[in-house]
Amino acid sequence: MLDAAAPQAGDFLVNVQEKVFEDFKAKPGERALVLMHTVPFEGSVGLVNMLTTTRIVRKGFDTSFVLYGPGVLMATAGRGFPKVGDEAFPGNLAFNNQIKVIAKEGGKIYACRFAMAALYAMRETDIMPEVKPFSPLDVLDILIEHWRDGALVIATWTL
């Protein structure tokens, strides 16, 4: 049996002050690419990668965020209930809000036209204005472009 009192609101459970690794910043010209192939609201990976992308942008990387497969659903312009833009439950607009932050802070966001049309019957007008639709052939080419530049690449696939 433990002697310690139960944690109380405001208690630290772990040492949040210690940082083990250097706080890296991008060197001039360094790039990053984050590829997201995940279903929104089916787990935390989509939002976690958006928050990671935001950190990467803030570290100074020239950052591209690619939504493909079910990831394109993260950029749906018509989200909300009962009206577009109304937050039906806490976190309902988290994806849309984080896309706006990434774009406002200088990140570039892309969505695959194949996934939009063939999988989800989305038109380009159904995507947030901060997001640039692109050809499915561009998914591989943006990856090659970043690989050739020695970029930081994060690729997440979930279903």
C-alpha atoms as a PDB file:
ATOM      1  CA  MET A   1       0.000   0.000   0.000  1.00  0.00           C
ATOM      2  CA  LEU A   2       1.284   3.467  -0.917  1.00  0.00           C
ATOM      3  CA  ASP A   3       1.765   6.136   1.741  1.00  0.00           C
ATOM      4  CA  ALA A   4       1.518   9.061  -0.678  1.00  0.00           C
ATOM      5  CA  ALA A   5      -1.633  11.139  -0.682  1.00  0.00           C
ATOM      6  CA  ALA A   6      -3.828  11.023  -3.758  1.00  0.00           C
ATOM      7  CA  PRO A   7      -2.883  13.628  -6.369  1.00  0.00           C
ATOM      8  CA  GLN A   8      -4.717  16.927  -6.068  1.00  0.00           C
ATOM      9  CA  ALA A   9      -5.580  19.479  -8.731  1.00  0.00           C
ATOM     10  CA  GLY A  10      -2.462  21.535  -9.437  1.00  0.00           C
ATOM     11  CA  ASP A  11      -0.016  18.784  -8.397  1.00  0.00           C
ATOM     12  CA  PHE A  12       2.771  17.809 -10.787  1.00  0.00           C
ATOM     13  CA  LEU A  13       2.850  14.046 -11.362  1.00  0.00           C
ATOM     14  CA  VAL A  14       6.199  14.189 -13.166  1.00  0.00           C
ATOM     15  CA  ASN A  15       9.167  16.562 -13.449  1.00  0.00           C
ATOM     16  CA  VAL A  16       8.003  18.995 -16.128  1.00  0.00           C
ATOM     17  CA  GLN A  17      11.012  21.291 -15.628  1.00  0.00           C
ATOM     18  CA  GLU A  18      13.737  18.908 -16.847  1.00  0.00           C
ATOM     19  CA  LYS A  19      14.403  18.925 -20.588  1.00  0.00           C
ATOM     20  CA  VAL A  20      16.750  16.115 -21.601  1.00  0.00           C
ATOM     21  CA  PHE A  21      17.553  17.140 -25.168  1.00  0.00           C
ATOM     22  CA  GLU A  22      18.622  20.402 -26.773  1.00  0.00           C
ATOM     23  CA  ASP A  23      15.782  22.665 -27.909  1.00  0.00           C
ATOM     24  CA  PHE A  24      16.594  22.588 -31.619  1.00  0.00           C
ATOM     25  CA  LYS A  25      15.646  25.389 -34.001  1.00  0.00           C
ATOM     26  CA  ALA A  26      15.734  25.176 -37.778  1.00  0.00           C
ATOM     27  CA  LYS A  27      18.830  26.348 -39.538  1.00  0.00           C
ATOM     28  CA  PRO A  28      18.258  28.671 -42.513  1.00  0.00           C
ATOM     29  CA  GLY A  29      16.639  26.770 -45.381  1.00  0.00           C
ATOM     30  CA  GLU A  30      15.729  23.627 -43.409  1.00  0.00           C
ATOM     31  CA  ARG A  31      12.437  22.034 -44.350  1.00  0.00           C
ATOM     32  CA  ALA A  32       9.926  19.662 -42.816  1.00  0.00           C
ATOM     33  CA  LEU A  33       7.149  17.522 -44.252  1.00  0.00           C
ATOM     34  CA  VAL A  34       4.339  15.954 -42.244  1.00  0.00           C
ATOM     35  CA  LEU A  35       2.132  13.425 -44.064  1.00  0.00           C
ATOM     36  CA  MET A  36      -1.217  12.527 -42.457  1.00  0.00           C
ATOM     37  CA  HIS A  37      -3.296   9.524 -43.512  1.00  0.00           C
ATOM     38  CA  THR A  38      -5.701   9.148 -40.596  1.00  0.00           C
ATOM     39  CA  VAL A  39      -9.379   9.317 -39.725  1.00  0.00           C
ATOM     40  CA  PRO A  40     -10.318  12.450 -37.775  1.00  0.00           C
ATOM     41  CA  PHE A  41     -11.892  11.867 -34.343  1.00  0.00           C
ATOM     42  CA  GLU A  42     -10.938   8.156 -34.322  1.00  0.00           C
ATOM     43  CA  GLY A  43      -7.903   8.677 -32.135  1.00  0.00           C
ATOM     44  CA  SER A  44      -5.471  11.324 -31.030  1.00  0.00           C
ATOM     45  CA  VAL A  45      -2.836  10.926 -33.759  1.00  0.00           C
ATOM     46  CA  GLY A  46      -4.360  13.499 -36.122  1.00  0.00           C
ATOM     47  CA  LEU A  47      -4.493  16.276 -33.550  1.00  0.00           C
ATOM     48  CA  VAL A  48      -1.147  15.288 -32.031  1.00  0.00           C
ATOM     49  CA  ASN A  49       0.502  15.515 -35.464  1.00  0.00           C
ATOM     50  CA  MET A  50      -1.136  18.882 -36.064  1.00  0.00           C
ATOM     51  CA  LEU A  51       0.264  20.135 -32.757  1.00  0.00           C
ATOM     52  CA  THR A  52       3.665  18.678 -33.681  1.00  0.00           C
ATOM     53  CA  THR A  53       3.447  20.418 -37.064  1.00  0.00           C
ATOM     54  CA  THR A  54       2.708  23.678 -35.268  1.00  0.00           C
ATOM     55  CA  ARG A  55       5.828  23.193 -33.103  1.00  0.00           C
ATOM     56  CA  ILE A  56       7.892  22.458 -36.215  1.00  0.00           C
ATOM     57  CA  VAL A  57       6.667  25.694 -37.845  1.00  0.00           C
ATOM     58  CA  ARG A  58       7.492  27.611 -34.661  1.00  0.00           C
ATOM     59  CA  LYS A  59      11.006  26.148 -34.665  1.00  0.00           C
ATOM     60  CA  GLY A  60      11.523  27.884 -38.008  1.00  0.00           C
ATOM     61  CA  PHE A  61      11.240  25.032 -40.516  1.00  0.00           C
ATOM     62  CA  ASP A  62       9.748  25.649 -43.967  1.00  0.00           C
ATOM     63  CA  THR A  63       6.883  23.255 -43.272  1.00  0.00           C
ATOM     64  CA  SER A  64       4.412  21.403 -45.492  1.00  0.00           C
ATOM     65  CA  PHE A  65       1.494  19.447 -44.015  1.00  0.00           C
ATOM     66  CA  VAL A  66      -0.069  16.912 -46.409  1.00  0.00           C
ATOM     67  CA  LEU A  67      -3.526  15.427 -45.875  1.00  0.00           C
ATOM     68  CA  TYR A  68      -4.323  12.354 -47.927  1.00  0.00           C
ATOM     69  CA  GLY A  69      -6.636   9.387 -47.664  1.00  0.00           C
ATOM     70  CA  PRO A  70      -9.023   9.984 -44.764  1.00  0.00           C
ATOM     71  CA  GLY A  71      -6.757  12.823 -43.601  1.00  0.00           C
ATOM     72  CA  VAL A  72      -8.492  15.167 -46.055  1.00  0.00           C
ATOM     73  CA  LEU A  73     -11.527  15.069 -43.771  1.00  0.00           C
ATOM     74  CA  MET A  74      -9.541  17.102 -41.233  1.00  0.00           C
ATOM     75  CA  ALA A  75      -9.822  20.121 -43.537  1.00  0.00           C
ATOM     76  CA  THR A  76     -13.574  20.014 -44.104  1.00  0.00           C
ATOM     77  CA  ALA A  77     -14.832  23.595 -44.319  1.00  0.00           C
ATOM     78  CA  GLY A  78     -18.395  22.700 -43.344  1.00  0.00           C
ATOM     79  CA  ARG A  79     -17.733  21.272 -39.865  1.00  0.00           C
ATOM     80  CA  GLY A  80     -20.004  22.290 -37.002  1.00  0.00           C
ATOM     81  CA  PHE A  81     -23.455  21.695 -35.558  1.00  0.00           C
ATOM     82  CA  PRO A  82     -26.169  22.869 -35.612  1.00  0.00           C
ATOM     83  CA  LYS A  83     -24.561  25.449 -37.903  1.00  0.00           C
ATOM     84  CA  VAL A  84     -21.204  25.505 -39.655  1.00  0.00           C
ATOM     85  CA  GLY A  85     -18.659  26.865 -37.211  1.00  0.00           C
ATOM     86  CA  ASP A  86     -20.650  25.966 -34.079  1.00  0.00           C
ATOM     87  CA  GLU A  87     -18.713  23.692 -31.762  1.00  0.00           C
ATOM     88  CA  ALA A  88     -21.122  20.815 -31.094  1.00  0.00           C
ATOM     89  CA  PHE A  89     -18.849  19.331 -28.404  1.00  0.00           C
ATOM     90  CA  PRO A  90     -15.473  20.332 -26.930  1.00  0.00           C
ATOM     91  CA  GLY A  91     -12.845  19.666 -29.576  1.00  0.00           C
ATOM     92  CA  ASN A  92     -15.326  19.446 -32.468  1.00  0.00           C
ATOM     93  CA  LEU A  93     -13.479  22.228 -34.315  1.00  0.00           C
ATOM     94  CA  ALA A  94      -9.974  21.356 -33.097  1.00  0.00           C
ATOM     95  CA  PHE A  95      -8.772  20.208 -36.530  1.00  0.00           C
ATOM     96  CA  ASN A  96     -10.108  23.293 -38.291  1.00  0.00           C
ATOM     97  CA  ASN A  97      -8.701  25.605 -35.629  1.00  0.00           C
ATOM     98  CA  GLN A  98      -5.254  24.003 -35.752  1.00  0.00           C
ATOM     99  CA  ILE A  99      -5.146  24.175 -39.557  1.00  0.00           C
ATOM    100  CA  LYS A 100      -5.809  27.910 -39.237  1.00  0.00           C
ATOM    101  CA  VAL A 101      -2.951  28.246 -36.727  1.00  0.00           C
ATOM    102  CA  ILE A 102      -0.513  26.303 -38.936  1.00  0.00           C
ATOM    103  CA  ALA A 103      -1.409  28.435 -41.968  1.00  0.00           C
ATOM    104  CA  LYS A 104      -1.343  31.740 -40.059  1.00  0.00           C
ATOM    105  CA  GLU A 105       2.127  30.934 -38.710  1.00  0.00           C
ATOM    106  CA  GLY A 106       3.531  30.117 -42.158  1.00  0.00           C
ATOM    107  CA  GLY A 107       2.924  26.398 -42.709  1.00  0.00           C
ATOM    108  CA  LYS A 108       1.611  25.159 -46.039  1.00  0.00           C
ATOM    109  CA  ILE A 109      -1.281  22.669 -46.004  1.00  0.00           C
ATOM    110  CA  TYR A 110      -2.233  20.414 -48.921  1.00  0.00           C
ATOM    111  CA  ALA A 111      -5.097  17.959 -49.486  1.00  0.00           C
ATOM    112  CA  CYS A 112      -5.217  15.160 -52.051  1.00  0.00           C
ATOM    113  CA  ARG A 113      -7.874  15.655 -54.721  1.00  0.00           C
ATOM    114  CA  PHE A 114      -8.241  11.888 -55.246  1.00  0.00           C
ATOM    115  CA  ALA A 115      -9.180  11.290 -51.618  1.00  0.00           C
ATOM    116  CA  MET A 116     -11.459  14.316 -51.648  1.00  0.00           C
ATOM    117  CA  ALA A 117     -13.460  13.296 -54.718  1.00  0.00           C
ATOM    118  CA  ALA A 118     -13.151   9.526 -55.106  1.00  0.00           C
ATOM    119  CA  LEU A 119     -13.385   8.585 -51.430  1.00  0.00           C
ATOM    120  CA  TYR A 120     -15.446  11.321 -49.774  1.00  0.00           C
ATOM    121  CA  ALA A 121     -17.385  13.091 -52.574  1.00  0.00           C
ATOM    122  CA  MET A 122     -15.837  16.397 -51.539  1.00  0.00           C
ATOM    123  CA  ARG A 123     -15.467  19.289 -53.918  1.00  0.00           C
ATOM    124  CA  GLU A 124     -12.545  21.692 -53.735  1.00  0.00           C
ATOM    125  CA  THR A 125     -14.995  24.241 -52.331  1.00  0.00           C
ATOM    126  CA  ASP A 126     -15.635  21.850 -49.409  1.00  0.00           C
ATOM    127  CA  ILE A 127     -12.045  22.328 -48.173  1.00  0.00           C
ATOM    128  CA  MET A 128     -10.935  25.160 -45.904  1.00  0.00           C
ATOM    129  CA  PRO A 129      -9.462  28.132 -47.791  1.00  0.00           C
ATOM    130  CA  GLU A 130      -6.126  27.670 -45.972  1.00  0.00           C
ATOM    131  CA  VAL A 131      -5.673  24.293 -47.695  1.00  0.00           C
ATOM    132  CA  LYS A 132      -4.407  23.812 -51.272  1.00  0.00           C
ATOM    133  CA  PRO A 133      -5.890  20.787 -53.088  1.00  0.00           C
ATOM    134  CA  PHE A 134      -3.333  18.876 -55.155  1.00  0.00           C
ATOM    135  CA  SER A 135      -3.014  15.928 -57.512  1.00  0.00           C
ATOM    136  CA  PRO A 136      -2.660  12.441 -56.034  1.00  0.00           C
ATOM    137  CA  LEU A 137       0.523  12.188 -58.121  1.00  0.00           C
ATOM    138  CA  ASP A 138       1.946  15.020 -55.997  1.00  0.00           C
ATOM    139  CA  VAL A 139       1.965  12.898 -52.810  1.00  0.00           C
ATOM    140  CA  LEU A 140       5.029  10.969 -53.942  1.00  0.00           C
ATOM    141  CA  ASP A 141       6.653  13.980 -55.589  1.00  0.00           C
ATOM    142  CA  ILE A 142       6.454  16.210 -52.501  1.00  0.00           C
ATOM    143  CA  LEU A 143       7.992  13.348 -50.523  1.00  0.00           C
ATOM    144  CA  ILE A 144      10.836  12.977 -53.059  1.00  0.00           C
ATOM    145  CA  GLU A 145      11.378  16.747 -53.096  1.00  0.00           C
ATOM    146  CA  HIS A 146      11.734  16.864 -49.317  1.00  0.00           C
ATOM    147  CA  TRP A 147      13.889  13.715 -49.231  1.00  0.00           C
ATOM    148  CA  ARG A 148      16.267  15.258 -51.771  1.00  0.00           C
ATOM    149  CA  ASP A 149      16.512  18.367 -49.575  1.00  0.00           C
ATOM    150  CA  GLY A 150      17.345  16.248 -46.511  1.00  0.00           C
ATOM    151  CA  ALA A 151      14.156  17.429 -44.799  1.00  0.00           C
ATOM    152  CA  LEU A 152      12.654  16.221 -41.557  1.00  0.00           C
ATOM    153  CA  VAL A 153       9.824  13.892 -42.630  1.00  0.00           C
ATOM    154  CA  ILE A 154       7.051  12.549 -40.392  1.00  0.00           C
ATOM    155  CA  ALA A 155       4.618  10.128 -42.015  1.00  0.00           C
ATOM    156  CA  THR A 156       1.650   8.706 -40.117  1.00  0.00           C
ATOM    157  CA  TRP A 157      -0.769   6.059 -41.356  1.00  0.00           C
ATOM    158  CA  THR A 158      -3.707   4.963 -39.236  1.00  0.00           C
ATOM    159  CA  LEU A 159      -7.171   3.614 -39.843  1.00  0.00           C
END
